[in-house]
Amino acid sequence: MTSESQLEVKRKEPIDVRKFRPAPRNRERSKFDKKRKTSKKDLDKKDGVVLLDRYTTSNAIHQLAKISDQAEKRAFLDWLYDFEFGKLALPIPDDTIFLDVPPEVSFRLMKKRAEADKKHFTDIHEANKEYLVQCYEAACFAASVKKWHTVTCTKNGEMRAIDDIGNEIFAYVSERIKEKRKESE
C-alpha cells in the first residue's frame, strides 16, 4: 500500500520541459493508440460524434496536481498536448467539457457512497483529500488555459439533479454539433 506522502512531488528547481520523455511504449499501448486514431478517422467519414470519458485530460489533471508553479503548469500542458496530439497524432478533441464539482461536495458524496456500500473500495487517490483538492485546482487551471466548457454541477453547495446536468450537456453538445456541421458546409 502506498502512503499519502509517496504521492507528493516536490520540486526544488523549475521543470525543463525539454527533459519530458514519453512513457516507454509497449505493444498494448501502441495498439490502443492506433485504434483511437483509426476509430476517429472512420467516424469523421461518417459524420460521427465521439464522446470520451477522460482521454488526455485525465493525465493532464493528475500530472498538473503535482506541479505548483503556474508557468511550469502551462509548459507541461503545452508539452503534453504537443506530445499526444502532435507526436502521437492522436485525434484532437473538438471540445472538452469539465464537470465542475468542488472538493467539499465530492467528499460528502464519497462518504455517502462508502456508508451505503460497505464493499466499496476507496482507491489511493480518493483516500487523499489534499491530493483531490490539488486535482480539482489543476482541473480548474487546465479548463481555463485550454478553454474547456465548464458545467457547474452544484447549486448552493449541493449537487444539481442528474437530469438537469445531463440536459445542459446535451444542449451544449447539440449546439456544438450544429456549429461543426455549418463549418464543414
Protein backbone atom coordinates (compact mmCIF):
# COMPACT_ATOMS: atom_id res chain seq x y z
CA MET A 1 0.00 0.00 0.00
CA THR A 2 1.27 3.45 -0.90
CA SER A 3 1.23 6.16 1.72
CA GLU A 4 -0.10 9.65 1.05
CA SER A 5 3.40 11.09 1.31
CA GLN A 6 4.52 8.99 -1.64
CA LEU A 7 2.07 10.88 -3.86
CA GLU A 8 3.68 14.22 -3.14
CA VAL A 9 6.14 15.56 -5.66
CA LYS A 10 8.28 18.48 -4.55
CA ARG A 11 10.49 20.30 -6.98
CA LYS A 12 13.44 22.40 -5.90
CA GLU A 13 14.19 23.63 -9.39
CA PRO A 14 11.99 24.61 -12.35
CA ILE A 15 10.92 21.89 -14.72
CA ASP A 16 12.74 21.94 -18.04
CA VAL A 17 10.07 20.71 -20.45
CA ARG A 18 12.77 19.63 -22.89
CA LYS A 19 13.52 16.83 -20.43
CA PHE A 20 10.00 15.38 -20.58
CA ARG A 21 10.10 11.97 -22.11
CA PRO A 22 7.20 9.79 -23.10
CA ALA A 23 6.48 6.73 -21.04
CA PRO A 24 8.00 3.59 -22.52
CA ARG A 25 5.76 2.32 -25.27
CA ASN A 26 4.51 -1.20 -25.07
CA ARG A 27 2.71 -3.28 -27.64
CA GLU A 28 -0.71 -2.95 -25.96
CA ARG A 29 -0.43 0.84 -25.65
CA SER A 30 0.57 1.10 -29.31
CA LYS A 31 -2.46 -0.97 -30.33
CA PHE A 32 -4.68 1.27 -28.21
CA ASP A 33 -3.28 4.48 -29.74
CA LYS A 34 -3.61 3.07 -33.26
CA LYS A 35 -7.21 2.04 -32.58
CA ARG A 36 -8.06 5.55 -31.29
CA LYS A 37 -6.65 7.09 -34.47
CA THR A 38 -8.44 4.64 -36.79
CA SER A 39 -11.79 4.93 -35.00
CA LYS A 40 -11.75 8.73 -35.18
CA LYS A 41 -10.89 8.68 -38.91
CA ASP A 42 -13.74 6.23 -39.61
CA LEU A 43 -16.24 8.28 -37.64
CA ASP A 44 -15.16 11.53 -39.29
CA LYS A 45 -16.00 9.97 -42.66
CA LYS A 46 -19.47 9.06 -41.39
CA ASP A 47 -20.24 12.42 -39.76
CA GLY A 48 -19.97 10.69 -36.39
CA VAL A 49 -19.77 12.01 -32.88
CA VAL A 50 -17.35 10.58 -30.34
CA LEU A 51 -17.76 11.24 -26.64
CA LEU A 52 -14.89 10.08 -24.46
CA ASP A 53 -14.57 9.96 -20.71
CA ARG A 54 -11.22 11.45 -19.62
CA TYR A 55 -8.92 10.88 -22.62
CA THR A 56 -5.78 13.08 -22.39
CA THR A 57 -7.37 15.40 -19.84
CA SER A 58 -7.19 12.90 -17.00
CA ASN A 59 -3.43 12.57 -17.45
CA ALA A 60 -3.12 16.34 -17.60
CA ILE A 61 -5.03 16.87 -14.36
CA HIS A 62 -3.17 14.22 -12.36
CA GLN A 63 0.22 15.48 -13.52
CA LEU A 64 -0.65 19.17 -13.07
CA ALA A 65 -1.65 18.43 -9.48
CA LYS A 66 2.00 17.66 -8.77
CA ILE A 67 3.27 21.00 -10.12
CA SER A 68 2.88 24.15 -8.06
CA ASP A 69 4.34 26.82 -10.34
CA GLN A 70 1.81 28.30 -12.81
CA ALA A 71 4.38 28.76 -15.58
CA GLU A 72 5.52 25.15 -15.19
CA LYS A 73 1.89 24.00 -15.33
CA ARG A 74 1.35 25.89 -18.57
CA ALA A 75 4.62 24.50 -20.00
CA PHE A 76 3.60 20.97 -19.04
CA LEU A 77 0.18 21.35 -20.69
CA ASP A 78 1.82 22.63 -23.87
CA TRP A 79 4.26 19.71 -23.82
CA LEU A 80 1.53 17.12 -23.16
CA TYR A 81 -0.76 18.41 -25.89
CA ASP A 82 2.15 18.54 -28.35
CA PHE A 83 3.16 15.00 -27.40
CA GLU A 84 -0.33 13.45 -27.52
CA PHE A 85 -1.77 15.35 -30.49
CA GLY A 86 1.41 16.26 -32.33
CA LYS A 87 3.93 13.46 -31.96
CA LEU A 88 1.46 10.62 -31.34
CA ALA A 89 -1.00 12.19 -33.79
CA LEU A 90 -3.99 11.28 -31.64
CA PRO A 91 -7.25 12.90 -32.69
CA ILE A 92 -7.57 16.41 -31.31
CA PRO A 93 -10.84 16.86 -29.41
CA ASP A 94 -13.18 19.45 -30.84
CA ASP A 95 -14.25 20.24 -27.31
CA THR A 96 -13.75 19.25 -23.71
CA ILE A 97 -16.44 19.52 -21.06
CA PHE A 98 -15.33 19.94 -17.45
CA LEU A 99 -17.94 18.80 -14.92
CA ASP A 100 -17.15 21.16 -12.06
CA VAL A 101 -17.84 19.61 -8.65
CA PRO A 102 -16.00 21.34 -5.79
CA PRO A 103 -13.99 19.03 -3.50
CA GLU A 104 -16.17 19.57 -0.44
CA VAL A 105 -19.18 18.27 -2.37
CA SER A 106 -17.16 15.36 -3.73
CA PHE A 107 -16.05 14.45 -0.20
CA ARG A 108 -19.67 14.34 1.01
CA LEU A 109 -20.67 12.17 -1.95
CA MET A 110 -17.74 9.78 -1.41
CA LYS A 111 -18.63 9.45 2.29
CA LYS A 112 -22.28 8.81 1.45
CA ARG A 113 -21.30 6.15 -1.12
CA ALA A 114 -18.96 4.42 1.35
CA GLU A 115 -21.69 4.36 4.01
CA ALA A 116 -24.26 2.95 1.57
CA ASP A 117 -21.91 0.36 0.05
CA LYS A 118 -19.70 -1.30 2.64
CA LYS A 119 -17.93 -3.26 -0.12
CA HIS A 120 -16.87 -0.06 -1.92
CA PHE A 121 -13.12 0.16 -2.30
CA THR A 122 -11.63 3.61 -1.73
CA ASP A 123 -8.64 3.93 -4.01
CA ILE A 124 -5.43 5.70 -3.06
CA HIS A 125 -6.49 8.94 -4.77
CA GLU A 126 -9.91 9.03 -3.14
CA ALA A 127 -8.30 8.48 0.26
CA ASN A 128 -6.03 11.51 -0.09
CA LYS A 129 -8.22 14.60 0.27
CA GLU A 130 -5.30 17.00 -0.16
CA TYR A 131 -4.43 15.38 -3.48
CA LEU A 132 -8.07 15.57 -4.61
CA VAL A 133 -8.10 19.30 -3.85
CA GLN A 134 -4.89 19.67 -5.87
CA CYS A 135 -6.51 17.75 -8.75
CA TYR A 136 -9.57 19.99 -8.61
CA GLU A 137 -7.38 23.10 -8.73
CA ALA A 138 -5.40 21.55 -11.60
CA ALA A 139 -8.63 20.83 -13.48
CA CYS A 140 -9.81 24.42 -13.00
CA PHE A 141 -6.42 25.65 -14.25
CA ALA A 142 -6.49 23.38 -17.32
CA ALA A 143 -10.12 24.30 -18.06
CA SER A 144 -9.19 27.96 -18.03
CA VAL A 145 -5.98 27.63 -20.06
CA LYS A 146 -7.35 25.18 -22.63
CA LYS A 147 -10.77 26.86 -22.80
CA TRP A 148 -12.78 23.80 -21.79
CA HIS A 149 -16.50 24.27 -21.49
CA THR A 150 -17.38 24.17 -17.80
CA VAL A 151 -20.64 22.78 -16.47
CA THR A 152 -21.23 23.82 -12.87
CA CYS A 153 -22.69 20.68 -11.30
CA THR A 154 -23.62 22.23 -7.96
CA LYS A 155 -26.00 24.89 -6.74
CA ASN A 156 -25.85 26.33 -3.23
CA GLY A 157 -23.31 23.68 -2.21
CA GLU A 158 -25.45 20.74 -3.34
CA MET A 159 -25.36 18.61 -6.47
CA ARG A 160 -27.79 19.59 -9.18
CA ALA A 161 -30.17 16.88 -10.39
CA ILE A 162 -28.53 14.40 -12.76
CA ASP A 163 -31.15 15.10 -15.44
CA ASP A 164 -30.53 18.84 -15.11
CA ILE A 165 -26.79 18.40 -15.62
CA GLY A 166 -27.39 15.90 -18.45
CA ASN A 167 -29.78 18.27 -20.22
CA GLU A 168 -27.23 21.10 -20.01
CA ILE A 169 -24.53 18.87 -21.50
CA PHE A 170 -26.89 17.61 -24.22
CA ALA A 171 -27.91 21.16 -25.19
CA TYR A 172 -24.27 22.27 -25.34
CA VAL A 173 -23.12 19.25 -27.37
CA SER A 174 -26.10 19.58 -29.74
CA GLU A 175 -25.23 23.22 -30.37
CA ARG A 176 -21.55 22.37 -30.96
CA ILE A 177 -22.53 19.66 -33.47
CA LYS A 178 -24.66 22.18 -35.37
CA GLU A 179 -21.75 24.64 -35.39
CA LYS A 180 -19.33 21.99 -36.67
CA ARG A 181 -21.71 20.94 -39.42
CA LYS A 182 -22.11 24.56 -40.56
CA GLU A 183 -18.31 24.94 -40.59
CA SER A 184 -17.93 21.89 -42.83
CA GLU A 185 -20.54 23.03 -45.39
